[in-house]
Every structure is written in structure tokens, then in C-alpha cells.
PDB file of all heavy atoms in Angstrom:
ATOM      1  N   VAL A   1     -19.959   5.512 -99.606  1.00  0.00           N
ATOM      2  CA  VAL A   1     -19.976   5.871 -98.113  1.00  0.00           C
ATOM      3  C   VAL A   1     -19.480   7.375 -98.001  1.00  0.00           C
ATOM      4  O   VAL A   1     -18.905   7.673 -97.040  1.00  0.00           O
ATOM      5  CB  VAL A   1     -19.036   4.970 -97.314  1.00  0.00           C
ATOM      6  CG1 VAL A   1     -19.644   3.579 -97.237  1.00  0.00           C
ATOM      7  CG2 VAL A   1     -17.655   4.970 -97.861  1.00  0.00           C
ATOM      8  N   THR A   2     -20.075   8.228 -98.817  1.00  0.00           N
ATOM      9  CA  THR A   2     -19.705   9.582 -98.868  1.00  0.00           C
ATOM     10  C   THR A   2     -20.167  10.344 -97.659  1.00  0.00           C
ATOM     11  O   THR A   2     -19.628  11.279 -97.065  1.00  0.00           O
ATOM     12  CB  THR A   2     -20.114  10.420-100.104  1.00  0.00           C
ATOM     13  OG1 THR A   2     -21.402  10.237-100.282  1.00  0.00           O
ATOM     14  CG2 THR A   2     -19.333   9.919-101.320  1.00  0.00           C
ATOM     15  N   ALA A   3     -21.280   9.826 -97.080  1.00  0.00           N
ATOM     16  CA  ALA A   3     -21.881  10.508 -95.828  1.00  0.00           C
ATOM     17  C   ALA A   3     -21.500   9.501 -94.614  1.00  0.00           C
ATOM     18  O   ALA A   3     -22.176   9.763 -93.577  1.00  0.00           O
ATOM     19  CB  ALA A   3     -23.418  10.506 -96.014  1.00  0.00           C
ATOM     20  N   PHE A   4     -20.521   8.711 -94.714  1.00  0.00           N
ATOM     21  CA  PHE A   4     -20.177   7.797 -93.504  1.00  0.00           C
ATOM     22  C   PHE A   4     -19.619   8.686 -92.383  1.00  0.00           C
ATOM     23  O   PHE A   4     -18.726   9.525 -92.725  1.00  0.00           O
ATOM     24  CB  PHE A   4     -19.118   6.884 -94.097  1.00  0.00           C
ATOM     25  CG  PHE A   4     -18.619   5.889 -93.038  1.00  0.00           C
ATOM     26  CD1 PHE A   4     -19.450   5.007 -92.613  1.00  0.00           C
ATOM     27  CD2 PHE A   4     -17.344   5.981 -92.496  1.00  0.00           C
ATOM     28  CE1 PHE A   4     -19.006   4.085 -91.679  1.00  0.00           C
ATOM     29  CE2 PHE A   4     -16.933   5.187 -91.564  1.00  0.00           C
ATOM     30  CZ  PHE A   4     -17.722   4.113 -91.168  1.00  0.00           C
ATOM     31  N   ASP A   5     -20.034   8.471 -91.166  1.00  0.00           N
ATOM     32  CA  ASP A   5     -19.588   9.041 -90.032  1.00  0.00           C
ATOM     33  C   ASP A   5     -18.809   7.972 -89.338  1.00  0.00           C
ATOM     34  O   ASP A   5     -19.329   7.099 -88.771  1.00  0.00           O
ATOM     35  CB  ASP A   5     -20.708   9.609 -89.196  1.00  0.00           C
ATOM     36  CG  ASP A   5     -20.298  10.202 -87.838  1.00  0.00           C
ATOM     37  OD1 ASP A   5     -18.972  10.384 -87.748  1.00  0.00           O
ATOM     38  OD2 ASP A   5     -21.126  10.667 -87.155  1.00  0.00           O
ATOM     39  N   GLU A   6     -17.526   8.219 -89.209  1.00  0.00           N
ATOM     40  CA  GLU A   6     -16.534   7.167 -88.552  1.00  0.00           C
ATOM     41  C   GLU A   6     -16.848   7.037 -87.142  1.00  0.00           C
ATOM     42  O   GLU A   6     -16.288   6.175 -86.420  1.00  0.00           O
ATOM     43  CB  GLU A   6     -15.147   7.591 -88.886  1.00  0.00           C
ATOM     44  CG  GLU A   6     -14.737   8.866 -88.324  1.00  0.00           C
ATOM     45  CD  GLU A   6     -13.542   9.568 -88.899  1.00  0.00           C
ATOM     46  OE1 GLU A   6     -13.291   9.359 -90.093  1.00  0.00           O
ATOM     47  OE2 GLU A   6     -12.728  10.183 -88.160  1.00  0.00           O
ATOM     48  N   LYS A   7     -17.669   8.008 -86.564  1.00  0.00           N
ATOM     49  CA  LYS A   7     -17.732   7.840 -85.072  1.00  0.00           C
ATOM     50  C   LYS A   7     -19.237   7.171 -84.801  1.00  0.00           C
ATOM     51  O   LYS A   7     -19.472   6.949 -83.590  1.00  0.00           O
ATOM     52  CB  LYS A   7     -17.889   9.237 -84.390  1.00  0.00           C
ATOM     53  CG  LYS A   7     -16.518   9.878 -84.515  1.00  0.00           C
ATOM     54  CD  LYS A   7     -16.389  11.179 -83.874  1.00  0.00           C
ATOM     55  CE  LYS A   7     -14.986  11.745 -84.024  1.00  0.00           C
ATOM     56  NZ  LYS A   7     -14.926  13.113 -83.622  1.00  0.00           N
ATOM     57  N   THR A   8     -19.875   6.820 -85.799  1.00  0.00           N
ATOM     58  CA  THR A   8     -21.062   6.088 -85.711  1.00  0.00           C
ATOM     59  C   THR A   8     -20.942   4.634 -85.562  1.00  0.00           C
ATOM     60  O   THR A   8     -20.210   3.966 -86.410  1.00  0.00           O
ATOM     61  CB  THR A   8     -22.128   6.314 -86.847  1.00  0.00           C
ATOM     62  OG1 THR A   8     -22.310   7.855 -87.017  1.00  0.00           O
ATOM     63  CG2 THR A   8     -23.309   5.663 -86.777  1.00  0.00           C
ATOM     64  N   PRO A   9     -21.408   3.961 -84.494  1.00  0.00           N
ATOM     65  CA  PRO A   9     -21.150   2.459 -84.390  1.00  0.00           C
ATOM     66  C   PRO A   9     -21.880   1.697 -85.450  1.00  0.00           C
ATOM     67  O   PRO A   9     -22.811   2.073 -86.060  1.00  0.00           O
ATOM     68  CB  PRO A   9     -21.818   2.089 -82.985  1.00  0.00           C
ATOM     69  CG  PRO A   9     -22.593   3.298 -82.533  1.00  0.00           C
ATOM     70  CD  PRO A   9     -22.219   4.507 -83.349  1.00  0.00           C
ATOM     71  N   ILE A  10     -21.205   0.676 -85.846  1.00  0.00           N
ATOM     72  CA  ILE A  10     -21.700  -0.241 -86.948  1.00  0.00           C
ATOM     73  C   ILE A  10     -21.696  -1.714 -86.508  1.00  0.00           C
ATOM     74  O   ILE A  10     -20.594  -2.133 -85.900  1.00  0.00           O
ATOM     75  CB  ILE A  10     -20.814  -0.143 -88.151  1.00  0.00           C
ATOM     76  CG1 ILE A  10     -20.816   1.273 -88.724  1.00  0.00           C
ATOM     77  CG2 ILE A  10     -21.273  -1.058 -89.220  1.00  0.00           C
ATOM     78  CD1 ILE A  10     -19.843   1.428 -89.885  1.00  0.00           C
ATOM     79  N   CYS A  11     -22.749  -2.365 -86.691  1.00  0.00           N
ATOM     80  CA  CYS A  11     -22.795  -3.808 -86.418  1.00  0.00           C
ATOM     81  C   CYS A  11     -22.450  -4.612 -87.723  1.00  0.00           C
ATOM     82  O   CYS A  11     -23.106  -4.264 -88.804  1.00  0.00           O
ATOM     83  CB  CYS A  11     -24.172  -4.253 -85.906  1.00  0.00           C
ATOM     84  SG  CYS A  11     -24.692  -3.438 -84.425  1.00  0.00           S
ATOM     85  N   PHE A  12     -21.579  -5.555 -87.620  1.00  0.00           N
ATOM     86  CA  PHE A  12     -21.267  -6.405 -88.723  1.00  0.00           C
ATOM     87  C   PHE A  12     -21.832  -7.752 -88.722  1.00  0.00           C
ATOM     88  O   PHE A  12     -21.898  -8.389 -89.752  1.00  0.00           O
ATOM     89  CB  PHE A  12     -19.681  -6.492 -88.931  1.00  0.00           C
ATOM     90  CG  PHE A  12     -19.019  -5.172 -89.230  1.00  0.00           C
ATOM     91  CD1 PHE A  12     -18.443  -4.344 -88.210  1.00  0.00           C
ATOM     92  CD2 PHE A  12     -19.001  -4.654 -90.446  1.00  0.00           C
ATOM     93  CE1 PHE A  12     -17.841  -3.215 -88.415  1.00  0.00           C
ATOM     94  CE2 PHE A  12     -18.404  -3.484 -90.753  1.00  0.00           C
ATOM     95  CZ  PHE A  12     -17.866  -2.770 -89.805  1.00  0.00           C
ATOM     96  N   THR A  13     -22.396  -8.020 -87.548  1.00  0.00           N
ATOM     97  CA  THR A  13     -22.897  -9.496 -87.486  1.00  0.00           C
ATOM     98  C   THR A  13     -24.325  -9.360 -86.765  1.00  0.00           C
ATOM     99  O   THR A  13     -24.525  -8.468 -86.029  1.00  0.00           O
ATOM    100  CB  THR A  13     -21.987 -10.455 -86.695  1.00  0.00           C
ATOM    101  OG1 THR A  13     -21.922 -10.007 -85.328  1.00  0.00           O
ATOM    102  CG2 THR A  13     -20.554 -10.524 -87.365  1.00  0.00           C
ATOM    103  N   ALA A  14     -25.100 -10.410 -86.862  1.00  0.00           N
ATOM    104  CA  ALA A  14     -26.432 -10.485 -86.162  1.00  0.00           C
ATOM    105  C   ALA A  14     -26.138 -10.581 -84.744  1.00  0.00           C
ATOM    106  O   ALA A  14     -26.857 -10.021 -83.896  1.00  0.00           O
ATOM    107  CB  ALA A  14     -27.168 -11.713 -86.655  1.00  0.00           C
ATOM    108  N   ARG A  15     -25.114 -11.149 -84.323  1.00  0.00           N
ATOM    109  CA  ARG A  15     -24.761 -11.351 -82.841  1.00  0.00           C
ATOM    110  C   ARG A  15     -24.372 -10.028 -82.280  1.00  0.00           C
ATOM    111  O   ARG A  15     -24.881  -9.562 -81.230  1.00  0.00           O
ATOM    112  CB  ARG A  15     -23.613 -12.364 -82.661  1.00  0.00           C
ATOM    113  CG  ARG A  15     -23.197 -12.538 -81.184  1.00  0.00           C
ATOM    114  CD  ARG A  15     -22.121 -13.468 -80.954  1.00  0.00           C
ATOM    115  NE  ARG A  15     -20.867 -13.116 -81.622  1.00  0.00           N
ATOM    116  CZ  ARG A  15     -19.746 -12.660 -80.947  1.00  0.00           C
ATOM    117  NH1 ARG A  15     -19.967 -12.454 -79.738  1.00  0.00           N
ATOM    118  NH2 ARG A  15     -18.666 -12.294 -81.619  1.00  0.00           N
ATOM    119  N   GLN A  16     -23.646  -9.134 -82.942  1.00  0.00           N
ATOM    120  CA  GLN A  16     -23.216  -7.825 -82.459  1.00  0.00           C
ATOM    121  C   GLN A  16     -24.577  -7.093 -82.322  1.00  0.00           C
ATOM    122  O   GLN A  16     -24.760  -6.326 -81.344  1.00  0.00           O
ATOM    123  CB  GLN A  16     -22.350  -7.100 -83.408  1.00  0.00           C
ATOM    124  CG  GLN A  16     -20.970  -7.658 -83.392  1.00  0.00           C
ATOM    125  CD  GLN A  16     -20.213  -6.962 -84.587  1.00  0.00           C
ATOM    126  OE1 GLN A  16     -20.571  -6.520 -85.425  1.00  0.00           O
ATOM    127  NE2 GLN A  16     -18.799  -7.171 -84.284  1.00  0.00           N
ATOM    128  N   ARG A  17     -25.400  -7.108 -83.360  1.00  0.00           N
ATOM    129  CA  ARG A  17     -26.722  -6.318 -83.358  1.00  0.00           C
ATOM    130  C   ARG A  17     -27.565  -6.717 -82.193  1.00  0.00           C
ATOM    131  O   ARG A  17     -28.084  -5.836 -81.490  1.00  0.00           O
ATOM    132  CB  ARG A  17     -27.490  -6.467 -84.638  1.00  0.00           C
ATOM    133  CG  ARG A  17     -28.662  -5.711 -84.748  1.00  0.00           C
ATOM    134  CD  ARG A  17     -29.417  -5.820 -86.104  1.00  0.00           C
ATOM    135  NE  ARG A  17     -28.593  -5.758 -87.216  1.00  0.00           N
ATOM    136  CZ  ARG A  17     -28.059  -4.566 -87.778  1.00  0.00           C
ATOM    137  NH1 ARG A  17     -28.377  -3.507 -87.262  1.00  0.00           N
ATOM    138  NH2 ARG A  17     -27.193  -4.818 -88.840  1.00  0.00           N
ATOM    139  N   ARG A  18     -27.672  -8.020 -81.885  1.00  0.00           N
ATOM    140  CA  ARG A  18     -28.493  -8.563 -80.780  1.00  0.00           C
ATOM    141  C   ARG A  18     -27.971  -8.027 -79.415  1.00  0.00           C
ATOM    142  O   ARG A  18     -28.839  -7.504 -78.769  1.00  0.00           O
ATOM    143  CB  ARG A  18     -28.540 -10.136 -80.968  1.00  0.00           C
ATOM    144  CG  ARG A  18     -29.418 -10.602 -79.682  1.00  0.00           C
ATOM    145  CD  ARG A  18     -29.320 -12.217 -79.761  1.00  0.00           C
ATOM    146  NE  ARG A  18     -27.988 -12.749 -79.772  1.00  0.00           N
ATOM    147  CZ  ARG A  18     -27.290 -12.985 -78.717  1.00  0.00           C
ATOM    148  NH1 ARG A  18     -27.637 -12.502 -77.566  1.00  0.00           N
ATOM    149  NH2 ARG A  18     -26.053 -13.454 -78.816  1.00  0.00           N
ATOM    150  N   VAL A  19     -26.782  -8.122 -79.307  1.00  0.00           N
ATOM    151  CA  VAL A  19     -26.175  -7.618 -78.037  1.00  0.00           C
ATOM    152  C   VAL A  19     -26.267  -6.192 -77.812  1.00  0.00           C
ATOM    153  O   VAL A  19     -26.668  -5.700 -76.735  1.00  0.00           O
ATOM    154  CB  VAL A  19     -24.608  -8.105 -77.845  1.00  0.00           C
ATOM    155  CG1 VAL A  19     -23.929  -7.525 -76.702  1.00  0.00           C
ATOM    156  CG2 VAL A  19     -24.532  -9.669 -77.859  1.00  0.00           C
ATOM    157  N   LEU A  20     -26.158  -5.426 -78.821  1.00  0.00           N
ATOM    158  CA  LEU A  20     -26.239  -3.936 -78.769  1.00  0.00           C
ATOM    159  C   LEU A  20     -27.687  -3.590 -78.504  1.00  0.00           C
ATOM    160  O   LEU A  20     -27.969  -2.616 -77.785  1.00  0.00           O
ATOM    161  CB  LEU A  20     -25.624  -3.245 -80.023  1.00  0.00           C
ATOM    162  CG  LEU A  20     -24.066  -3.411 -80.054  1.00  0.00           C
ATOM    163  CD1 LEU A  20     -23.601  -2.732 -81.503  1.00  0.00           C
ATOM    164  CD2 LEU A  20     -23.475  -2.763 -78.893  1.00  0.00           C
ATOM    165  N   GLU A  21     -28.562  -4.277 -79.137  1.00  0.00           N
ATOM    166  CA  GLU A  21     -29.967  -4.066 -78.909  1.00  0.00           C
ATOM    167  C   GLU A  21     -30.360  -4.249 -77.408  1.00  0.00           C
ATOM    168  O   GLU A  21     -31.069  -3.552 -76.721  1.00  0.00           O
ATOM    169  CB  GLU A  21     -30.942  -4.868 -79.836  1.00  0.00           C
ATOM    170  CG  GLU A  21     -30.905  -4.244 -81.247  1.00  0.00           C
ATOM    171  CD  GLU A  21     -31.663  -5.196 -82.158  1.00  0.00           C
ATOM    172  OE1 GLU A  21     -31.928  -6.355 -81.902  1.00  0.00           O
ATOM    173  OE2 GLU A  21     -31.738  -4.717 -83.333  1.00  0.00           O
ATOM    174  N   GLN A  22     -29.721  -5.381 -76.934  1.00  0.00           N
ATOM    175  CA  GLN A  22     -30.007  -5.772 -75.477  1.00  0.00           C
ATOM    176  C   GLN A  22     -29.356  -4.631 -74.562  1.00  0.00           C
ATOM    177  O   GLN A  22     -29.976  -4.278 -73.599  1.00  0.00           O
ATOM    178  CB  GLN A  22     -29.512  -7.106 -75.245  1.00  0.00           C
ATOM    179  CG  GLN A  22     -30.262  -8.224 -75.761  1.00  0.00           C
ATOM    180  CD  GLN A  22     -29.600  -9.517 -75.556  1.00  0.00           C
ATOM    181  OE1 GLN A  22     -28.398  -9.643 -75.432  1.00  0.00           O
ATOM    182  NE2 GLN A  22     -30.444 -10.598 -75.533  1.00  0.00           N
ATOM    183  N   LEU A  23     -28.191  -4.146 -74.954  1.00  0.00           N
ATOM    184  CA  LEU A  23     -27.558  -3.131 -74.165  1.00  0.00           C
ATOM    185  C   LEU A  23     -28.427  -1.868 -74.029  1.00  0.00           C
ATOM    186  O   LEU A  23     -28.292  -1.198 -72.934  1.00  0.00           O
ATOM    187  CB  LEU A  23     -26.310  -2.713 -74.697  1.00  0.00           C
ATOM    188  CG  LEU A  23     -25.030  -3.633 -74.278  1.00  0.00           C
ATOM    189  CD1 LEU A  23     -23.874  -3.332 -75.176  1.00  0.00           C
ATOM    190  CD2 LEU A  23     -24.752  -3.617 -72.853  1.00  0.00           C
ATOM    191  N   GLN A  24     -29.219  -1.529 -74.993  1.00  0.00           N
ATOM    192  CA  GLN A  24     -30.089  -0.377 -74.859  1.00  0.00           C
ATOM    193  C   GLN A  24     -31.198  -0.498 -73.816  1.00  0.00           C
ATOM    194  O   GLN A  24     -31.703   0.505 -73.331  1.00  0.00           O
ATOM    195  CB  GLN A  24     -30.836  -0.160 -76.222  1.00  0.00           C
ATOM    196  CG  GLN A  24     -29.782   0.301 -77.380  1.00  0.00           C
ATOM    197  CD  GLN A  24     -30.482   0.448 -78.669  1.00  0.00           C
ATOM    198  OE1 GLN A  24     -31.562  -0.291 -78.891  1.00  0.00           O
ATOM    199  NE2 GLN A  24     -30.004   1.402 -79.495  1.00  0.00           N
ATOM    200  N   ARG A  25     -31.390  -1.783 -73.431  1.00  0.00           N
ATOM    201  CA  ARG A  25     -32.532  -2.056 -72.456  1.00  0.00           C
ATOM    202  C   ARG A  25     -32.051  -2.465 -71.122  1.00  0.00           C
ATOM    203  O   ARG A  25     -32.870  -2.796 -70.152  1.00  0.00           O
ATOM    204  CB  ARG A  25     -33.470  -3.047 -73.031  1.00  0.00           C
ATOM    205  CG  ARG A  25     -34.186  -2.742 -74.388  1.00  0.00           C
ATOM    206  CD  ARG A  25     -35.152  -3.760 -74.686  1.00  0.00           C
ATOM    207  NE  ARG A  25     -34.539  -5.050 -75.113  1.00  0.00           N
ATOM    208  CZ  ARG A  25     -34.096  -5.452 -76.292  1.00  0.00           C
ATOM    209  NH1 ARG A  25     -34.157  -4.619 -77.233  1.00  0.00           N
ATOM    210  NH2 ARG A  25     -33.675  -6.560 -76.442  1.00  0.00           N
ATOM    211  N   VAL A  26     -30.765  -2.413 -70.787  1.00  0.00           N
ATOM    212  CA  VAL A  26     -30.235  -2.886 -69.516  1.00  0.00           C
ATOM    213  C   VAL A  26     -30.562  -2.022 -68.390  1.00  0.00           C
ATOM    214  O   VAL A  26     -30.751  -0.805 -68.630  1.00  0.00           O
ATOM    215  CB  VAL A  26     -28.683  -3.120 -69.554  1.00  0.00           C
ATOM    216  CG1 VAL A  26     -28.311  -4.152 -70.528  1.00  0.00           C
ATOM    217  CG2 VAL A  26     -28.054  -1.748 -69.777  1.00  0.00           C
ATOM    218  N   ALA A  27     -30.727  -2.580 -67.222  1.00  0.00           N
ATOM    219  CA  ALA A  27     -31.180  -1.758 -65.930  1.00  0.00           C
ATOM    220  C   ALA A  27     -29.943  -1.535 -65.112  1.00  0.00           C
ATOM    221  O   ALA A  27     -30.129  -0.800 -64.200  1.00  0.00           O
ATOM    222  CB  ALA A  27     -32.252  -2.557 -65.227  1.00  0.00           C
ATOM    223  N   SER A  28     -28.798  -2.177 -65.338  1.00  0.00           N
ATOM    224  CA  SER A  28     -27.698  -2.052 -64.366  1.00  0.00           C
ATOM    225  C   SER A  28     -26.421  -2.077 -65.088  1.00  0.00           C
ATOM    226  O   SER A  28     -26.254  -2.718 -66.227  1.00  0.00           O
ATOM    227  CB  SER A  28     -27.798  -3.196 -63.324  1.00  0.00           C
ATOM    228  OG  SER A  28     -27.505  -4.437 -63.852  1.00  0.00           O
ATOM    229  N   ALA A  29     -25.414  -1.631 -64.440  1.00  0.00           N
ATOM    230  CA  ALA A  29     -24.134  -1.734 -65.022  1.00  0.00           C
ATOM    231  C   ALA A  29     -23.497  -3.200 -65.026  1.00  0.00           C
ATOM    232  O   ALA A  29     -22.858  -3.537 -66.041  1.00  0.00           O
ATOM    233  CB  ALA A  29     -23.126  -0.854 -64.130  1.00  0.00           C
ATOM    234  N   SER A  30     -23.873  -4.025 -64.110  1.00  0.00           N
ATOM    235  CA  SER A  30     -23.417  -5.368 -64.165  1.00  0.00           C
ATOM    236  C   SER A  30     -24.094  -6.122 -65.360  1.00  0.00           C
ATOM    237  O   SER A  30     -23.337  -6.942 -65.902  1.00  0.00           O
ATOM    238  CB  SER A  30     -23.743  -6.001 -62.759  1.00  0.00           C
ATOM    239  OG  SER A  30     -25.062  -6.237 -62.602  1.00  0.00           O
ATOM    240  N   GLU A  31     -25.352  -5.831 -65.635  1.00  0.00           N
ATOM    241  CA  GLU A  31     -25.949  -6.506 -66.784  1.00  0.00           C
ATOM    242  C   GLU A  31     -25.306  -5.946 -68.078  1.00  0.00           C
ATOM    243  O   GLU A  31     -25.051  -6.849 -68.937  1.00  0.00           O
ATOM    244  CB  GLU A  31     -27.527  -6.137 -66.749  1.00  0.00           C
ATOM    245  CG  GLU A  31     -28.234  -6.921 -67.819  1.00  0.00           C
ATOM    246  CD  GLU A  31     -29.695  -6.572 -67.814  1.00  0.00           C
ATOM    247  OE1 GLU A  31     -30.123  -5.806 -66.896  1.00  0.00           O
ATOM    248  OE2 GLU A  31     -30.410  -7.057 -68.647  1.00  0.00           O
ATOM    249  N   ALA A  32     -24.912  -4.674 -68.162  1.00  0.00           N
ATOM    250  CA  ALA A  32     -24.224  -4.231 -69.351  1.00  0.00           C
ATOM    251  C   ALA A  32     -22.867  -4.845 -69.524  1.00  0.00           C
ATOM    252  O   ALA A  32     -22.453  -5.206 -70.619  1.00  0.00           O
ATOM    253  CB  ALA A  32     -24.141  -2.736 -69.191  1.00  0.00           C
ATOM    254  N   THR A  33     -22.289  -5.035 -68.376  1.00  0.00           N
ATOM    255  CA  THR A  33     -20.816  -5.643 -68.376  1.00  0.00           C
ATOM    256  C   THR A  33     -20.959  -7.102 -68.944  1.00  0.00           C
ATOM    257  O   THR A  33     -20.083  -7.533 -69.681  1.00  0.00           O
ATOM    258  CB  THR A  33     -20.222  -5.693 -66.927  1.00  0.00           C
ATOM    259  OG1 THR A  33     -20.048  -4.273 -66.574  1.00  0.00           O
ATOM    260  CG2 THR A  33     -18.898  -6.386 -66.941  1.00  0.00           C
ATOM    261  N   SER A  34     -22.065  -7.871 -68.496  1.00  0.00           N
ATOM    262  CA  SER A  34     -22.204  -9.243 -68.866  1.00  0.00           C
ATOM    263  C   SER A  34     -22.407  -9.311 -70.405  1.00  0.00           C
ATOM    264  O   SER A  34     -21.825 -10.064 -71.059  1.00  0.00           O
ATOM    265  CB  SER A  34     -23.369  -9.843 -68.070  1.00  0.00           C
ATOM    266  OG  SER A  34     -23.682 -11.141 -68.591  1.00  0.00           O
ATOM    267  N   LEU A  35     -23.310  -8.283 -70.813  1.00  0.00           N
ATOM    268  CA  LEU A  35     -23.576  -8.489 -72.245  1.00  0.00           C
ATOM    269  C   LEU A  35     -22.332  -7.998 -73.183  1.00  0.00           C
ATOM    270  O   LEU A  35     -22.085  -8.502 -74.243  1.00  0.00           O
ATOM    271  CB  LEU A  35     -24.802  -7.480 -72.590  1.00  0.00           C
ATOM    272  CG  LEU A  35     -26.126  -7.972 -72.150  1.00  0.00           C
ATOM    273  CD1 LEU A  35     -27.147  -6.950 -72.313  1.00  0.00           C
ATOM    274  CD2 LEU A  35     -26.543  -9.244 -72.900  1.00  0.00           C
ATOM    275  N   THR A  36     -21.596  -7.046 -72.696  1.00  0.00           N
ATOM    276  CA  THR A  36     -20.454  -6.642 -73.388  1.00  0.00           C
ATOM    277  C   THR A  36     -19.363  -7.750 -73.365  1.00  0.00           C
ATOM    278  O   THR A  36     -18.697  -7.979 -74.403  1.00  0.00           O
ATOM    279  CB  THR A  36     -19.801  -5.384 -72.753  1.00  0.00           C
ATOM    280  OG1 THR A  36     -20.794  -4.359 -72.671  1.00  0.00           O
ATOM    281  CG2 THR A  36     -18.534  -4.993 -73.455  1.00  0.00           C
ATOM    282  N   ASN A  37     -19.214  -8.498 -72.304  1.00  0.00           N
ATOM    283  CA  ASN A  37     -18.343  -9.676 -72.299  1.00  0.00           C
ATOM    284  C   ASN A  37     -18.817 -10.658 -73.243  1.00  0.00           C
ATOM    285  O   ASN A  37     -17.943 -11.326 -73.924  1.00  0.00           O
ATOM    286  CB  ASN A  37     -18.267 -10.182 -70.869  1.00  0.00           C
ATOM    287  CG  ASN A  37     -17.377  -9.344 -70.014  1.00  0.00           C
ATOM    288  OD1 ASN A  37     -16.588  -8.539 -70.490  1.00  0.00           O
ATOM    289  ND2 ASN A  37     -17.539  -9.339 -68.794  1.00  0.00           N
ATOM    290  N   GLU A  38     -20.107 -10.887 -73.361  1.00  0.00           N
ATOM    291  CA  GLU A  38     -20.636 -11.861 -74.271  1.00  0.00           C
ATOM    292  C   GLU A  38     -20.248 -11.519 -75.786  1.00  0.00           C
ATOM    293  O   GLU A  38     -19.806 -12.185 -76.623  1.00  0.00           O
ATOM    294  CB  GLU A  38     -22.155 -11.961 -74.248  1.00  0.00           C
ATOM    295  CG  GLU A  38     -22.714 -12.901 -75.291  1.00  0.00           C
ATOM    296  CD  GLU A  38     -24.318 -12.947 -75.195  1.00  0.00           C
ATOM    297  OE1 GLU A  38     -24.934 -12.444 -74.175  1.00  0.00           O
ATOM    298  OE2 GLU A  38     -24.864 -13.363 -76.214  1.00  0.00           O
ATOM    299  N   LEU A  39     -20.359 -10.230 -76.022  1.00  0.00           N
ATOM    300  CA  LEU A  39     -19.994  -9.695 -77.324  1.00  0.00           C
ATOM    301  C   LEU A  39     -18.518  -9.859 -77.713  1.00  0.00           C
ATOM    302  O   LEU A  39     -18.055 -10.368 -78.690  1.00  0.00           O
ATOM    303  CB  LEU A  39     -20.406  -8.119 -77.496  1.00  0.00           C
ATOM    304  CG  LEU A  39     -19.962  -7.487 -78.804  1.00  0.00           C
ATOM    305  CD1 LEU A  39     -20.686  -8.161 -79.901  1.00  0.00           C
ATOM    306  CD2 LEU A  39     -20.319  -6.056 -78.741  1.00  0.00           C
ATOM    307  N   LEU A  40     -17.636  -9.531 -76.676  1.00  0.00           N
ATOM    308  CA  LEU A  40     -16.237  -9.647 -76.852  1.00  0.00           C
ATOM    309  C   LEU A  40     -15.613 -10.985 -76.779  1.00  0.00           C
ATOM    310  O   LEU A  40     -14.672 -11.334 -77.509  1.00  0.00           O
ATOM    311  CB  LEU A  40     -15.570  -8.742 -75.803  1.00  0.00           C
ATOM    312  CG  LEU A  40     -15.808  -7.254 -75.843  1.00  0.00           C
ATOM    313  CD1 LEU A  40     -15.249  -6.464 -74.669  1.00  0.00           C
ATOM    314  CD2 LEU A  40     -15.276  -6.712 -77.186  1.00  0.00           C
ATOM    315  N   GLU A  41     -16.225 -11.918 -75.998  1.00  0.00           N
ATOM    316  CA  GLU A  41     -15.701 -13.192 -75.727  1.00  0.00           C
ATOM    317  C   GLU A  41     -16.552 -14.336 -76.289  1.00  0.00           C
ATOM    318  O   GLU A  41     -16.108 -15.481 -76.155  1.00  0.00           O
ATOM    319  CB  GLU A  41     -15.429 -13.348 -74.223  1.00  0.00           C
ATOM    320  CG  GLU A  41     -14.511 -12.329 -73.727  1.00  0.00           C
ATOM    321  CD  GLU A  41     -14.346 -12.285 -72.181  1.00  0.00           C
ATOM    322  OE1 GLU A  41     -14.952 -13.250 -71.574  1.00  0.00           O
ATOM    323  OE2 GLU A  41     -13.688 -11.392 -71.536  1.00  0.00           O
ATOM    324  N   GLY A  42     -17.607 -14.070 -76.805  1.00  0.00           N
ATOM    325  CA  GLY A  42     -18.492 -15.075 -77.227  1.00  0.00           C
ATOM    326  C   GLY A  42     -18.014 -15.879 -78.439  1.00  0.00           C
ATOM    327  O   GLY A  42     -17.098 -15.358 -79.081  1.00  0.00           O
ATOM    328  N   PRO A  43     -18.664 -16.932 -78.792  1.00  0.00           N
ATOM    329  CA  PRO A  43     -18.217 -17.740 -80.024  1.00  0.00           C
ATOM    330  C   PRO A  43     -18.425 -16.976 -81.196  1.00  0.00           C
ATOM    331  O   PRO A  43     -19.362 -16.192 -81.328  1.00  0.00           O
ATOM    332  CB  PRO A  43     -19.157 -18.921 -80.005  1.00  0.00           C
ATOM    333  CG  PRO A  43     -20.282 -18.544 -79.079  1.00  0.00           C
ATOM    334  CD  PRO A  43     -19.865 -17.451 -78.177  1.00  0.00           C
TER     335      PRO A  43
END
């Protein structure tokens, strides 16, 4: 990891990747909040 940038986000699970991909396509702040809560509080 010699070229590792500590400020670059990393997904460790498929669930994180799915939610972050969805966040790129949101149309509103409330939708972004809902997806973020799913990532933080989901199973």
C-alpha cells in the first residue's frame, strides 16, 4: 500500500459498496440521509 491515500474512501463490504453507489445517484438530501442511516444502522 505504498501509494495508499488515507483520505480516499474504502468499501470493506458489499453492503457498503452498494449504499455508496446509491448515494452517488440520489436526488435529495433526505434520500442521502436515509441511505447513510442504512449503512450505519443496518444489519
